[in-house]
Amino acid sequence: MLSTSFDLQDLLASQKASGEPWLEFLRVPALRAGLYVLAPGAWDHQTPHEEDEIYYVVAGRATFEAGTEVREAVAGSLIYVAAHQPHRFTQITEELRLLVFFSALSR
């Protein structure tokens, strides 16, 4: 695959149809990407990942916690998390729609 494109509305429809909060839509040797959707009041069950990652908040409102850091996560936020760092979204007050990008490169 040299290139491809994705439509966010199609991804949201696929994620909703799956009944799961996580939909991986890209996996290539050096990168993974997915859509993560959490309803208001949902519990984020994440555990630390093996890869560095970036979240882009497409829509919604929540609090993001990583280590001792706490910050607001709102539409337009970009959040970087280093590999193995405990983190999660809390206090989700509006449906949270996140694009998530994982580096698959070895550290």
Protein backbone atom coordinates (compact mmCIF):
# COMPACT_ATOMS: atom_id res chain seq x y z
CA MET A 1 0.00 0.00 0.00
CA LEU A 2 1.62 3.25 -1.11
CA SER A 3 -1.19 5.52 0.00
CA THR A 4 -4.82 5.47 1.02
CA SER A 5 -7.37 7.80 2.52
CA PHE A 6 -10.05 7.41 5.15
CA ASP A 7 -13.35 9.17 5.69
CA LEU A 8 -14.02 9.98 9.34
CA GLN A 9 -17.79 9.45 9.00
CA ASP A 10 -17.17 5.97 7.52
CA LEU A 11 -14.79 5.16 10.38
CA LEU A 12 -17.34 6.33 12.96
CA ALA A 13 -20.03 4.17 11.33
CA SER A 14 -17.72 1.12 11.34
CA GLN A 15 -16.75 1.68 14.97
CA LYS A 16 -20.38 2.06 16.03
CA ALA A 17 -21.41 -1.08 14.11
CA SER A 18 -18.64 -3.07 15.82
CA GLY A 19 -20.02 -2.31 19.28
CA GLU A 20 -16.45 -1.76 20.49
CA PRO A 21 -14.84 1.55 21.53
CA TRP A 22 -11.66 0.84 19.49
CA LEU A 23 -11.41 0.50 15.71
CA GLU A 24 -7.97 0.04 14.19
CA PHE A 25 -8.06 1.26 10.61
CA LEU A 26 -4.39 1.25 9.63
CA ARG A 27 -1.48 -1.07 10.37
CA VAL A 28 1.79 -0.80 8.44
CA PRO A 29 5.32 -1.69 9.57
CA ALA A 30 6.09 1.63 11.31
CA LEU A 31 2.63 2.94 12.22
CA ARG A 32 -0.78 1.96 13.56
CA ALA A 33 -3.84 4.21 13.62
CA GLY A 34 -7.29 3.86 15.08
CA LEU A 35 -10.44 5.54 16.24
CA TYR A 36 -11.30 5.41 19.95
CA VAL A 37 -14.78 6.51 21.07
CA LEU A 38 -15.88 6.79 24.71
CA ALA A 39 -19.42 7.71 25.81
CA PRO A 40 -20.09 10.25 28.54
CA GLY A 41 -19.38 8.67 31.91
CA ALA A 42 -17.49 5.73 30.35
CA TRP A 43 -14.47 4.19 32.07
CA ASP A 44 -11.27 4.20 29.99
CA HIS A 45 -9.76 0.74 30.56
CA GLN A 46 -6.43 1.43 28.87
CA THR A 47 -3.19 0.00 30.13
CA PRO A 48 0.24 1.36 29.13
CA HIS A 49 1.20 0.65 25.53
CA GLU A 50 4.46 -0.68 24.10
CA GLU A 51 4.62 2.20 21.58
CA ASP A 52 4.71 5.97 21.72
CA GLU A 53 1.33 7.40 20.76
CA ILE A 54 -0.45 10.59 19.81
CA TYR A 55 -4.12 11.33 20.44
CA TYR A 56 -6.01 13.89 18.39
CA VAL A 57 -9.32 14.85 20.01
CA VAL A 58 -11.83 15.12 17.17
CA ALA A 59 -14.80 15.86 19.43
CA GLY A 60 -15.88 15.70 23.04
CA ARG A 61 -14.68 16.75 26.45
CA ALA A 62 -12.81 14.87 29.17
CA THR A 63 -9.87 15.03 31.51
CA PHE A 64 -6.62 13.31 30.52
CA GLU A 65 -4.33 11.89 33.20
CA ALA A 66 -0.75 10.68 32.67
CA GLY A 67 1.46 10.17 35.69
CA THR A 68 0.95 13.27 37.84
CA GLU A 69 -0.18 15.41 34.89
CA VAL A 70 -3.86 16.25 34.50
CA ARG A 71 -5.14 18.30 31.58
CA GLU A 72 -8.35 19.04 29.74
CA ALA A 73 -8.97 17.10 26.52
CA VAL A 74 -11.22 18.98 24.10
CA ALA A 75 -11.72 19.10 20.34
CA GLY A 76 -8.46 20.12 18.72
CA SER A 77 -6.20 18.86 21.52
CA LEU A 78 -3.09 16.88 20.56
CA ILE A 79 -1.67 14.69 23.29
CA TYR A 80 1.63 12.77 23.16
CA VAL A 81 2.18 9.79 25.47
CA ALA A 82 5.51 7.98 25.75
CA ALA A 83 5.60 4.19 25.59
CA HIS A 84 4.92 2.42 28.92
CA GLN A 85 3.42 5.58 30.53
CA PRO A 86 0.22 4.88 32.49
CA HIS A 87 -2.54 7.15 31.20
CA ARG A 88 -6.31 7.39 30.75
CA PHE A 89 -9.22 9.66 29.98
CA THR A 90 -11.47 10.46 32.94
CA GLN A 91 -14.49 12.67 33.64
CA ILE A 92 -15.86 12.18 30.12
CA THR A 93 -18.72 14.68 29.89
CA GLU A 94 -19.27 14.66 26.10
CA GLU A 95 -18.79 11.71 23.73
CA LEU A 96 -15.04 11.56 23.19
CA ARG A 97 -13.87 10.81 19.64
CA LEU A 98 -10.13 10.29 19.33
CA LEU A 99 -7.82 9.55 16.45
CA VAL A 100 -4.92 7.55 17.85
CA PHE A 101 -1.53 7.07 16.18
CA PHE A 102 1.01 4.53 17.47
CA SER A 103 4.65 4.43 16.43
CA ALA A 104 5.59 0.84 15.70
CA LEU A 105 9.29 1.64 15.54
CA SER A 106 11.49 -0.06 18.10
CA ARG A 107 12.85 2.12 20.87
